[in-house]
Every structure is written in structure tokens, then in C-alpha cells.
Amino acid sequence: MAKEIPSVGDLRRKSEITDAEIVAATVACLQDENTEPFASKSGHRVDVAKAI
């Protein structure tokens, strides 16, 4: 059975990513929509374009 991918909100509630990391990922995506997914310190990768 495939493991469910957590949402950004789930990761934030569990303190696995910070507000600053979410902002950085969003800013990077807004500057270049073809940017690579943002890698957080916890190792999670946030693909803002895909999340939208």
C-alpha cells in the first residue's frame, strides 16, 4: 500500500517544516515557476507549483 504524501499544512502542524521554509519555497516559486522543489532542513521537498 502506498504511503500518503503529507500536505504542507500537515508538515507545519507537526513542526517538520517552519513558516520561514514555507515562505522561502513560495518566494522561489513566484520568482521562477520552473524552480526545483524546495528542500527543507527536515528533508521534505515542497513543490509549490504542484501543490497549487
PDB file of N, CA and C in Angstrom:
ATOM      1  N   MET A   1       0.838  -1.173   0.000  1.00  0.00           N
ATOM      2  CA  MET A   1       0.000   0.000   0.000  1.00  0.00           C
ATOM      3  C   MET A   1       0.895   1.252   0.000  1.00  0.00           C
ATOM      4  N   ALA A   2       0.594   2.195  -0.863  1.00  0.00           N
ATOM      5  CA  ALA A   2       1.386   3.410  -0.984  1.00  0.00           C
ATOM      6  C   ALA A   2       1.183   4.311   0.232  1.00  0.00           C
ATOM      7  N   LYS A   3       2.278   4.932   0.656  1.00  0.00           N
ATOM      8  CA  LYS A   3       2.222   5.844   1.789  1.00  0.00           C
ATOM      9  C   LYS A   3       1.652   7.181   1.321  1.00  0.00           C
ATOM     10  N   GLU A   4       0.730   7.746   2.108  1.00  0.00           N
ATOM     11  CA  GLU A   4       0.108   9.016   1.746  1.00  0.00           C
ATOM     12  C   GLU A   4       1.117  10.156   1.887  1.00  0.00           C
ATOM     13  N   ILE A   5       1.111  11.057   0.929  1.00  0.00           N
ATOM     14  CA  ILE A   5       2.005  12.207   0.959  1.00  0.00           C
ATOM     15  C   ILE A   5       1.370  13.277   1.848  1.00  0.00           C
ATOM     16  N   PRO A   6       2.092  13.765   2.872  1.00  0.00           N
ATOM     17  CA  PRO A   6       1.515  14.775   3.765  1.00  0.00           C
ATOM     18  C   PRO A   6       1.409  16.127   3.065  1.00  0.00           C
ATOM     19  N   SER A   7       0.413  16.900   3.465  1.00  0.00           N
ATOM     20  CA  SER A   7       0.274  18.250   2.927  1.00  0.00           C
ATOM     21  C   SER A   7       1.248  19.179   3.637  1.00  0.00           C
ATOM     22  N   VAL A   8       1.433  20.360   3.091  1.00  0.00           N
ATOM     23  CA  VAL A   8       2.298  21.353   3.726  1.00  0.00           C
ATOM     24  C   VAL A   8       1.728  21.695   5.104  1.00  0.00           C
ATOM     25  N   GLY A   9       0.410  21.800   5.197  1.00  0.00           N
ATOM     26  CA  GLY A   9      -0.224  22.078   6.479  1.00  0.00           C
ATOM     27  C   GLY A   9       0.060  20.992   7.504  1.00  0.00           C
ATOM     28  N   ASP A  10       0.009  19.738   7.069  1.00  0.00           N
ATOM     29  CA  ASP A  10       0.320  18.622   7.967  1.00  0.00           C
ATOM     30  C   ASP A  10       1.759  18.719   8.474  1.00  0.00           C
ATOM     31  N   LEU A  11       2.680  19.005   7.567  1.00  0.00           N
ATOM     32  CA  LEU A  11       4.084  19.120   7.945  1.00  0.00           C
ATOM     33  C   LEU A  11       4.301  20.282   8.909  1.00  0.00           C
ATOM     34  N   ARG A  12       3.594  21.383   8.706  1.00  0.00           N
ATOM     35  CA  ARG A  12       3.736  22.549   9.586  1.00  0.00           C
ATOM     36  C   ARG A  12       3.168  22.243  10.975  1.00  0.00           C
ATOM     37  N   ARG A  13       1.995  21.612  11.023  1.00  0.00           N
ATOM     38  CA  ARG A  13       1.384  21.269  12.310  1.00  0.00           C
ATOM     39  C   ARG A  13       2.289  20.352  13.126  1.00  0.00           C
ATOM     40  N   LYS A  14       3.022  19.494  12.455  1.00  0.00           N
ATOM     41  CA  LYS A  14       3.934  18.563  13.125  1.00  0.00           C
ATOM     42  C   LYS A  14       5.317  19.187  13.352  1.00  0.00           C
ATOM     43  N   SER A  15       5.455  20.469  12.999  1.00  0.00           N
ATOM     44  CA  SER A  15       6.726  21.209  13.122  1.00  0.00           C
ATOM     45  C   SER A  15       7.862  20.543  12.351  1.00  0.00           C
ATOM     46  N   GLU A  16       7.526  19.906  11.234  1.00  0.00           N
ATOM     47  CA  GLU A  16       8.557  19.289  10.393  1.00  0.00           C
ATOM     48  C   GLU A  16       9.105  20.282   9.378  1.00  0.00           C
ATOM     49  N   ILE A  17       8.354  21.350   9.115  1.00  0.00           N
ATOM     50  CA  ILE A  17       8.847  22.473   8.326  1.00  0.00           C
ATOM     51  C   ILE A  17       8.435  23.751   9.049  1.00  0.00           C
ATOM     52  N   THR A  18       9.183  24.809   8.828  1.00  0.00           N
ATOM     53  CA  THR A  18       8.905  26.073   9.504  1.00  0.00           C
ATOM     54  C   THR A  18       8.151  27.035   8.593  1.00  0.00           C
ATOM     55  N   ASP A  19       7.592  28.069   9.212  1.00  0.00           N
ATOM     56  CA  ASP A  19       6.944  29.109   8.417  1.00  0.00           C
ATOM     57  C   ASP A  19       7.938  29.742   7.452  1.00  0.00           C
ATOM     58  N   ALA A  20       9.163  29.946   7.929  1.00  0.00           N
ATOM     59  CA  ALA A  20      10.199  30.554   7.081  1.00  0.00           C
ATOM     60  C   ALA A  20      10.491  29.685   5.856  1.00  0.00           C
ATOM     61  N   GLU A  21      10.485  28.365   6.027  1.00  0.00           N
ATOM     62  CA  GLU A  21      10.731  27.467   4.901  1.00  0.00           C
ATOM     63  C   GLU A  21       9.570  27.519   3.911  1.00  0.00           C
ATOM     64  N   ILE A  22       8.362  27.643   4.412  1.00  0.00           N
ATOM     65  CA  ILE A  22       7.194  27.748   3.530  1.00  0.00           C
ATOM     66  C   ILE A  22       7.271  29.042   2.725  1.00  0.00           C
ATOM     67  N   VAL A  23       7.629  30.132   3.396  1.00  0.00           N
ATOM     68  CA  VAL A  23       7.774  31.422   2.710  1.00  0.00           C
ATOM     69  C   VAL A  23       8.878  31.343   1.671  1.00  0.00           C
ATOM     70  N   ALA A  24      10.013  30.760   2.019  1.00  0.00           N
ATOM     71  CA  ALA A  24      11.131  30.642   1.071  1.00  0.00           C
ATOM     72  C   ALA A  24      10.731  29.827  -0.158  1.00  0.00           C
ATOM     73  N   ALA A  25      10.007  28.746   0.049  1.00  0.00           N
ATOM     74  CA  ALA A  25       9.559  27.914  -1.068  1.00  0.00           C
ATOM     75  C   ALA A  25       8.601  28.696  -1.964  1.00  0.00           C
ATOM     76  N   THR A  26       7.715  29.459  -1.353  1.00  0.00           N
ATOM     77  CA  THR A  26       6.734  30.242  -2.109  1.00  0.00           C
ATOM     78  C   THR A  26       7.422  31.347  -2.911  1.00  0.00           C
ATOM     79  N   VAL A  27       8.333  32.059  -2.267  1.00  0.00           N
ATOM     80  CA  VAL A  27       9.063  33.137  -2.952  1.00  0.00           C
ATOM     81  C   VAL A  27       9.852  32.583  -4.129  1.00  0.00           C
ATOM     82  N   ALA A  28      10.530  31.463  -3.927  1.00  0.00           N
ATOM     83  CA  ALA A  28      11.302  30.853  -5.014  1.00  0.00           C
ATOM     84  C   ALA A  28      10.404  30.492  -6.191  1.00  0.00           C
ATOM     85  N   CYS A  29       9.230  29.971  -5.893  1.00  0.00           N
ATOM     86  CA  CYS A  29       8.291  29.585  -6.960  1.00  0.00           C
ATOM     87  C   CYS A  29       7.752  30.811  -7.686  1.00  0.00           C
ATOM     88  N   LEU A  30       7.458  31.866  -6.936  1.00  0.00           N
ATOM     89  CA  LEU A  30       6.935  33.085  -7.562  1.00  0.00           C
ATOM     90  C   LEU A  30       7.982  33.758  -8.444  1.00  0.00           C
ATOM     91  N   GLN A  31       9.244  33.633  -8.081  1.00  0.00           N
ATOM     92  CA  GLN A  31      10.311  34.221  -8.886  1.00  0.00           C
ATOM     93  C   GLN A  31      10.580  33.416 -10.147  1.00  0.00           C
ATOM     94  N   ASP A  32      10.403  32.104 -10.058  1.00  0.00           N
ATOM     95  CA  ASP A  32      10.647  31.227 -11.213  1.00  0.00           C
ATOM     96  C   ASP A  32       9.776  29.991 -11.070  1.00  0.00           C
ATOM     97  N   GLU A  33       8.714  29.924 -11.852  1.00  0.00           N
ATOM     98  CA  GLU A  33       7.771  28.808 -11.716  1.00  0.00           C
ATOM     99  C   GLU A  33       8.370  27.459 -12.111  1.00  0.00           C
ATOM    100  N   ASN A  34       9.517  27.474 -12.753  1.00  0.00           N
ATOM    101  CA  ASN A  34      10.183  26.226 -13.140  1.00  0.00           C
ATOM    102  C   ASN A  34      11.248  25.799 -12.132  1.00  0.00           C
ATOM    103  N   THR A  35      11.266  26.457 -10.972  1.00  0.00           N
ATOM    104  CA  THR A  35      12.262  26.129  -9.955  1.00  0.00           C
ATOM    105  C   THR A  35      12.052  24.714  -9.415  1.00  0.00           C
ATOM    106  N   GLU A  36      13.139  24.131  -8.938  1.00  0.00           N
ATOM    107  CA  GLU A  36      13.072  22.791  -8.355  1.00  0.00           C
ATOM    108  C   GLU A  36      12.287  22.841  -7.047  1.00  0.00           C
ATOM    109  N   PRO A  37      11.700  21.732  -6.622  1.00  0.00           N
ATOM    110  CA  PRO A  37      11.024  21.708  -5.322  1.00  0.00           C
ATOM    111  C   PRO A  37      11.989  22.123  -4.212  1.00  0.00           C
ATOM    112  N   PHE A  38      11.460  22.858  -3.242  1.00  0.00           N
ATOM    113  CA  PHE A  38      12.252  23.377  -2.128  1.00  0.00           C
ATOM    114  C   PHE A  38      12.530  22.253  -1.137  1.00  0.00           C
ATOM    115  N   ALA A  39      13.784  22.094  -0.749  1.00  0.00           N
ATOM    116  CA  ALA A  39      14.164  21.067   0.226  1.00  0.00           C
ATOM    117  C   ALA A  39      14.281  21.705   1.604  1.00  0.00           C
ATOM    118  N   SER A  40      13.490  21.220   2.554  1.00  0.00           N
ATOM    119  CA  SER A  40      13.547  21.749   3.913  1.00  0.00           C
ATOM    120  C   SER A  40      14.664  21.072   4.688  1.00  0.00           C
ATOM    121  N   LYS A  41      14.990  21.623   5.860  1.00  0.00           N
ATOM    122  CA  LYS A  41      16.039  21.051   6.703  1.00  0.00           C
ATOM    123  C   LYS A  41      15.689  19.632   7.143  1.00  0.00           C
ATOM    124  N   SER A  42      14.386  19.340   7.250  1.00  0.00           N
ATOM    125  CA  SER A  42      13.955  18.008   7.697  1.00  0.00           C
ATOM    126  C   SER A  42      14.052  16.978   6.579  1.00  0.00           C
ATOM    127  N   GLY A  43      14.351  17.445   5.346  1.00  0.00           N
ATOM    128  CA  GLY A  43      14.474  16.531   4.217  1.00  0.00           C
ATOM    129  C   GLY A  43      13.228  16.452   3.355  1.00  0.00           C
ATOM    130  N   HIS A  44      12.149  17.098   3.771  1.00  0.00           N
ATOM    131  CA  HIS A  44      10.931  17.120   2.962  1.00  0.00           C
ATOM    132  C   HIS A  44      11.126  18.078   1.798  1.00  0.00           C
ATOM    133  N   ARG A  45      10.533  17.727   0.676  1.00  0.00           N
ATOM    134  CA  ARG A  45      10.606  18.580  -0.508  1.00  0.00           C
ATOM    135  C   ARG A  45       9.209  19.131  -0.787  1.00  0.00           C
ATOM    136  N   VAL A  46       9.141  20.462  -0.943  1.00  0.00           N
ATOM    137  CA  VAL A  46       7.871  21.135  -1.184  1.00  0.00           C
ATOM    138  C   VAL A  46       7.863  21.663  -2.607  1.00  0.00           C
ATOM    139  N   ASP A  47       6.950  21.153  -3.412  1.00  0.00           N
ATOM    140  CA  ASP A  47       6.784  21.614  -4.795  1.00  0.00           C
ATOM    141  C   ASP A  47       5.565  22.524  -4.807  1.00  0.00           C
ATOM    142  N   VAL A  48       5.792  23.830  -4.652  1.00  0.00           N
ATOM    143  CA  VAL A  48       4.702  24.794  -4.536  1.00  0.00           C
ATOM    144  C   VAL A  48       3.841  24.791  -5.796  1.00  0.00           C
ATOM    145  N   ALA A  49       4.448  24.768  -6.961  1.00  0.00           N
ATOM    146  CA  ALA A  49       3.682  24.777  -8.213  1.00  0.00           C
ATOM    147  C   ALA A  49       2.744  23.579  -8.288  1.00  0.00           C
ATOM    148  N   LYS A  50       3.201  22.437  -7.866  1.00  0.00           N
ATOM    149  CA  LYS A  50       2.378  21.241  -7.896  1.00  0.00           C
ATOM    150  C   LYS A  50       1.281  21.281  -6.817  1.00  0.00           C
ATOM    151  N   ALA A  51       1.624  21.891  -5.681  1.00  0.00           N
ATOM    152  CA  ALA A  51       0.660  21.992  -4.583  1.00  0.00           C
ATOM    153  C   ALA A  51      -0.509  22.892  -4.935  1.00  0.00           C
ATOM    154  N   ILE A  52      -0.239  23.896  -5.784  1.00  0.00           N
ATOM    155  CA  ILE A  52      -1.299  24.818  -6.183  1.00  0.00           C
ATOM    156  C   ILE A  52      -2.146  24.120  -7.203  1.00  0.00           C
TER     157      ILE A  52
END
